[in-house]
């Protein structure tokens, strides 16, 4: 399987640990990952502000950069949705480009839909609140949304729930926007911040210790509000949680092995 990592701008510039966690997580699951160094922004900021033609060169570069890979994996629902949903107008008449769009996956849906991961062995003994970002929820369908009638599901939650010790908190409004919205947070700062405060209050009443999500853009917004109010809640990308849980399990297994070896040595010495 020939897999490329597509890293969002804000992960590259502000949260590189999320990119590294994504690589290590995929490698632990048996995936060989390449990082094409000539990749650039997906063009979403331009498209969101109405400058669609300015985004076209970036979409065309995406095709040239990633076209040779079996899959492209991105630790962001927002950027993945830009490629899958909004590159359509740039790929008319280009079947190969259309196929590449379909092969571009957000990290969690790649784990559940392509790798068919049903359980990750790990330990994360914290109260975790899941923030469901709008693009991932409503454009990629990473989970069910409250305005739709149908059986509830969440691809992200299905990966977190089996972790040993984790407690997923119950929110009163589990799929409400955090208010970031890219350039919306700049154009409508006051509204954006109020929406973010509402999300934080919901997590506080639920007892959330770690606020998790698949988009560092949303988490960056919420983290800024948390830090300014000096609140103890922290934010983590789902990739960071899954990797931390796997490492905790490794450490626990190593400690158990060391303990058994020590007991065996003591037993031998006692019978000399």
Protein backbone atom coordinates (compact mmCIF):
# COMPACT_ATOMS: atom_id res chain seq x y z
CA UNK A 1 0.00 0.00 0.00
CA UNK A 2 1.53 3.26 -1.19
CA UNK A 3 0.31 5.97 1.22
CA UNK A 4 1.11 9.67 1.24
CA UNK A 5 0.67 12.01 4.19
CA UNK A 6 -1.03 15.31 3.39
CA UNK A 7 -0.36 17.78 6.21
CA UNK A 8 -2.58 20.87 6.75
CA UNK A 9 -0.82 24.24 6.93
CA UNK A 10 -1.62 24.87 10.59
CA UNK A 11 -0.34 21.39 11.56
CA UNK A 12 2.86 22.03 9.60
CA UNK A 13 3.40 25.49 11.08
CA UNK A 14 1.95 25.28 14.61
CA UNK A 15 1.35 21.63 15.57
CA UNK A 16 3.99 19.46 13.89
CA UNK A 17 3.64 16.90 16.70
CA UNK A 18 0.22 16.00 15.26
CA UNK A 19 1.81 15.21 11.91
CA UNK A 20 4.49 13.10 13.57
CA UNK A 21 1.88 11.31 15.69
CA UNK A 22 -0.09 10.52 12.53
CA UNK A 23 2.97 8.99 10.87
CA UNK A 24 3.92 6.91 13.91
CA UNK A 25 0.35 5.74 14.42
CA UNK A 26 0.05 4.60 10.79
CA UNK A 27 3.45 2.89 10.90
CA UNK A 28 2.48 1.02 14.06
CA UNK A 29 -0.55 -0.24 12.14
CA UNK A 30 1.68 -1.56 9.36
CA UNK A 31 1.40 1.29 6.86
CA UNK A 32 4.41 2.63 4.99
CA UNK A 33 4.03 6.40 4.82
CA UNK A 34 5.68 8.91 2.50
CA UNK A 35 5.68 12.68 2.91
CA UNK A 36 5.90 14.46 -0.46
CA UNK A 37 7.91 17.56 0.37
CA UNK A 38 6.59 19.66 -2.51
CA UNK A 39 3.01 19.63 -1.17
CA UNK A 40 1.37 22.99 -0.42
CA UNK A 41 -1.85 24.44 0.99
CA UNK A 42 -5.05 22.87 -0.34
CA UNK A 43 -6.43 26.34 -1.14
CA UNK A 44 -9.31 26.28 1.32
CA UNK A 45 -8.68 29.79 2.76
CA UNK A 46 -8.98 31.30 -0.72
CA UNK A 47 -12.03 29.24 -1.66
CA UNK A 48 -13.78 30.10 1.63
CA UNK A 49 -13.45 33.81 0.92
CA UNK A 50 -14.80 33.50 -2.61
CA UNK A 51 -11.45 33.52 -4.43
CA UNK A 52 -12.10 30.19 -6.12
CA UNK A 53 -9.91 30.72 -9.17
CA UNK A 54 -6.99 31.59 -6.91
CA UNK A 55 -7.36 28.11 -5.39
CA UNK A 56 -7.21 26.35 -8.78
CA UNK A 57 -3.37 26.29 -9.10
CA UNK A 58 -3.14 24.66 -5.67
CA UNK A 59 -5.70 22.01 -6.62
CA UNK A 60 -3.75 21.26 -9.80
CA UNK A 61 -0.53 21.01 -7.80
CA UNK A 62 -2.26 18.60 -5.41
CA UNK A 63 -3.03 16.35 -8.38
CA UNK A 64 0.57 16.47 -9.63
CA UNK A 65 1.97 15.82 -6.14
CA UNK A 66 -0.29 13.02 -4.93
CA UNK A 67 -1.57 11.40 -8.11
CA UNK A 68 0.81 8.43 -7.97
CA UNK A 69 -0.23 7.24 -4.51
CA UNK A 70 -2.75 4.53 -3.66
CA UNK A 71 -4.13 6.62 -0.79
CA UNK A 72 -3.64 10.09 0.64
CA UNK A 73 -4.21 10.44 4.39
CA UNK A 74 -4.76 13.77 6.11
CA UNK A 75 -5.14 14.47 9.87
CA UNK A 76 -7.90 16.99 9.15
CA UNK A 77 -11.53 16.68 8.18
CA UNK A 78 -11.54 20.24 6.88
CA UNK A 79 -8.72 19.91 4.35
CA UNK A 80 -9.90 16.44 3.32
CA UNK A 81 -13.37 17.84 2.64
CA UNK A 82 -11.84 20.58 0.52
CA UNK A 83 -10.20 17.97 -1.70
CA UNK A 84 -13.05 15.46 -1.83
CA UNK A 85 -15.99 17.84 -2.09
CA UNK A 86 -14.75 21.15 -3.44
CA UNK A 87 -12.07 20.09 -5.92
CA UNK A 88 -14.89 18.79 -8.11
CA UNK A 89 -15.05 21.97 -10.16
CA UNK A 90 -11.29 21.75 -10.77
CA UNK A 91 -11.36 18.12 -11.95
CA UNK A 92 -14.06 18.17 -14.65
CA UNK A 93 -13.02 15.91 -17.52
CA UNK A 94 -10.06 14.51 -15.60
CA UNK A 95 -10.98 10.99 -14.45
CA UNK A 96 -7.61 10.47 -12.77
CA UNK A 97 -8.07 13.61 -10.69
CA UNK A 98 -11.57 12.49 -9.71
CA UNK A 99 -10.19 9.12 -8.64
CA UNK A 100 -7.50 10.82 -6.54
CA UNK A 101 -10.14 12.88 -4.76
CA UNK A 102 -11.93 9.65 -3.83
CA UNK A 103 -8.66 8.16 -2.54
CA UNK A 104 -8.06 11.06 -0.16
CA UNK A 105 -9.07 10.17 3.40
CA UNK A 106 -9.24 11.84 6.77
CA UNK A 107 -7.10 9.84 9.22
CA UNK A 108 -9.90 8.26 11.29
CA UNK A 109 -11.98 7.23 8.29
CA UNK A 110 -8.85 5.72 6.73
CA UNK A 111 -8.38 3.63 9.88
CA UNK A 112 -12.00 2.47 10.01
CA UNK A 113 -12.91 2.25 6.31
CA UNK A 114 -9.66 1.21 4.61
CA UNK A 115 -7.58 -0.53 7.28
CA UNK A 116 -10.76 -1.87 8.91
CA UNK A 117 -9.42 -1.12 12.40
CA UNK A 118 -11.99 -2.18 14.97
CA UNK A 119 -9.91 -1.94 18.12
CA UNK A 120 -6.61 -0.32 19.04
CA UNK A 121 -4.98 -1.82 22.10
CA UNK A 122 -4.05 0.99 24.41
CA UNK A 123 -4.65 2.80 27.67
CA UNK A 124 -5.80 6.40 28.13
CA UNK A 125 -7.29 6.87 31.62
CA UNK A 126 -8.87 10.30 31.16
CA UNK A 127 -12.28 11.91 30.73
CA UNK A 128 -12.36 12.81 27.04
CA UNK A 129 -14.87 15.06 25.30
CA UNK A 130 -15.14 14.71 21.54
CA UNK A 131 -15.51 17.82 19.41
CA UNK A 132 -17.08 16.92 16.07
CA UNK A 133 -15.85 19.44 13.52
CA UNK A 134 -18.38 20.60 10.95
CA UNK A 135 -16.54 19.57 7.78
CA UNK A 136 -15.74 16.10 9.06
CA UNK A 137 -19.24 15.54 10.38
CA UNK A 138 -21.39 17.02 7.63
CA UNK A 139 -19.24 16.72 4.52
CA UNK A 140 -17.26 13.54 5.20
CA UNK A 141 -19.95 11.90 7.36
CA UNK A 142 -17.54 10.84 10.07
CA UNK A 143 -20.56 10.53 12.31
CA UNK A 144 -24.31 11.07 12.49
CA UNK A 145 -25.55 14.62 13.00
CA UNK A 146 -28.49 15.74 15.10
CA UNK A 147 -30.47 17.22 12.20
CA UNK A 148 -30.63 13.85 10.42
CA UNK A 149 -32.92 10.94 11.27
CA UNK A 150 -31.11 7.61 11.40
CA UNK A 151 -29.07 5.31 13.62
CA UNK A 152 -26.30 7.11 15.53
CA UNK A 153 -22.69 6.37 14.62
CA UNK A 154 -19.25 7.92 14.98
CA UNK A 155 -16.10 6.64 13.32
CA UNK A 156 -13.92 8.67 15.66
CA UNK A 157 -15.75 7.51 18.78
CA UNK A 158 -15.47 3.88 17.63
CA UNK A 159 -11.67 4.23 17.73
CA UNK A 160 -11.58 5.89 21.14
CA UNK A 161 -14.19 3.83 23.02
CA UNK A 162 -12.21 0.56 23.23
CA UNK A 163 -9.21 2.24 24.89
CA UNK A 164 -8.66 1.00 28.42
CA UNK A 165 -9.53 3.54 31.11
CA UNK A 166 -11.03 6.16 28.82
CA UNK A 167 -14.31 7.84 29.75
CA UNK A 168 -16.08 9.67 26.93
CA UNK A 169 -18.12 12.53 28.32
CA UNK A 170 -21.72 13.27 27.33
CA UNK A 171 -22.34 16.72 25.87
CA UNK A 172 -25.70 18.50 25.75
CA UNK A 173 -24.99 19.70 22.17
CA UNK A 174 -22.57 17.12 20.76
CA UNK A 175 -22.34 18.38 17.17
CA UNK A 176 -22.41 22.16 17.55
CA UNK A 177 -19.87 24.35 15.72
CA UNK A 178 -17.00 25.77 17.80
CA UNK A 179 -17.10 29.06 15.91
CA UNK A 180 -13.71 28.84 14.20
CA UNK A 181 -14.77 28.49 10.57
CA UNK A 182 -11.43 29.61 9.11
CA UNK A 183 -11.69 33.23 7.97
CA UNK A 184 -15.00 33.51 9.84
CA UNK A 185 -12.99 33.74 13.08
CA UNK A 186 -11.28 36.84 11.68
CA UNK A 187 -14.29 38.49 10.06
CA UNK A 188 -16.64 37.76 12.98
CA UNK A 189 -14.30 37.57 15.95
CA UNK A 190 -16.87 38.30 18.65
CA UNK A 191 -19.39 35.75 17.37
CA UNK A 192 -16.63 33.19 16.87
CA UNK A 193 -15.41 33.59 20.46
CA UNK A 194 -18.91 33.38 21.94
CA UNK A 195 -19.54 30.14 20.06
CA UNK A 196 -16.23 28.79 21.34
CA UNK A 197 -17.08 29.73 24.92
CA UNK A 198 -20.40 27.88 24.56
CA UNK A 199 -18.56 24.74 23.47
CA UNK A 200 -16.13 24.97 26.38
CA UNK A 201 -18.99 25.45 28.86
CA UNK A 202 -20.67 22.33 27.52
CA UNK A 203 -17.47 20.33 28.01
CA UNK A 204 -17.02 21.74 31.51
CA UNK A 205 -20.51 20.68 32.61
CA UNK A 206 -19.76 17.21 31.22
CA UNK A 207 -16.52 16.93 33.19
CA UNK A 208 -14.19 16.84 30.19
CA UNK A 209 -10.47 16.76 31.02
CA UNK A 210 -9.18 16.33 27.47
CA UNK A 211 -11.01 17.97 24.57
CA UNK A 212 -10.33 15.85 21.48
CA UNK A 213 -10.99 16.29 17.79
CA UNK A 214 -9.80 15.54 14.26
CA UNK A 215 -9.13 19.16 13.27
CA UNK A 216 -6.37 21.17 14.91
CA UNK A 217 -7.92 24.35 13.50
CA UNK A 218 -10.97 23.93 15.74
CA UNK A 219 -8.83 22.74 18.64
CA UNK A 220 -6.48 25.72 18.18
CA UNK A 221 -9.45 28.06 18.48
CA UNK A 222 -10.75 26.34 21.61
CA UNK A 223 -7.28 26.04 23.13
CA UNK A 224 -6.74 29.78 22.75
CA UNK A 225 -9.96 30.50 24.64
CA UNK A 226 -9.05 27.95 27.35
CA UNK A 227 -5.57 29.38 27.85
CA UNK A 228 -6.80 32.97 28.05
CA UNK A 229 -9.19 31.96 30.81
CA UNK A 230 -6.50 29.82 32.46
CA UNK A 231 -8.72 26.75 32.46
CA UNK A 232 -7.12 23.33 33.15
CA UNK A 233 -8.82 21.53 30.25
CA UNK A 234 -6.37 20.59 27.47
CA UNK A 235 -6.84 19.78 23.82
CA UNK A 236 -5.43 16.82 21.90
CA UNK A 237 -5.78 15.58 18.34
CA UNK A 238 -7.21 12.07 18.10
CA UNK A 239 -3.93 10.86 16.54
CA UNK A 240 -2.07 12.02 19.65
CA UNK A 241 -4.51 10.20 21.94
CA UNK A 242 -4.36 6.93 20.01
CA UNK A 243 -0.56 7.02 19.88
CA UNK A 244 -0.26 7.91 23.58
CA UNK A 245 -2.60 5.03 24.41
CA UNK A 246 -0.54 2.56 22.37
CA UNK A 247 2.68 3.74 24.03
CA UNK A 248 1.08 3.43 27.47
CA UNK A 249 0.14 -0.17 26.63
CA UNK A 250 3.72 -0.81 25.47
CA UNK A 251 5.05 0.60 28.73
CA UNK A 252 2.58 -1.43 30.79
CA UNK A 253 3.55 -4.59 28.92
CA UNK A 254 7.24 -3.84 29.38
CA UNK A 255 6.74 -3.27 33.12
CA UNK A 256 4.81 -6.53 33.43
CA UNK A 257 7.56 -8.41 31.58
CA UNK A 258 10.22 -6.86 33.82
CA UNK A 259 8.19 -7.75 36.91
CA UNK A 260 7.79 -11.37 35.76
CA UNK A 261 11.52 -11.58 35.01
CA UNK A 262 12.33 -10.20 38.47
CA UNK A 263 9.98 -12.71 40.11
CA UNK A 264 11.54 -15.55 38.14
CA UNK A 265 15.06 -14.45 39.17
CA UNK A 266 14.02 -14.20 42.81
CA UNK A 267 12.45 -17.65 42.62
CA UNK A 268 15.63 -19.16 41.19
CA UNK A 269 17.83 -17.44 43.80
CA UNK A 270 15.54 -18.65 46.60
CA UNK A 271 16.03 -22.27 45.55
CA UNK A 272 19.81 -22.16 45.22
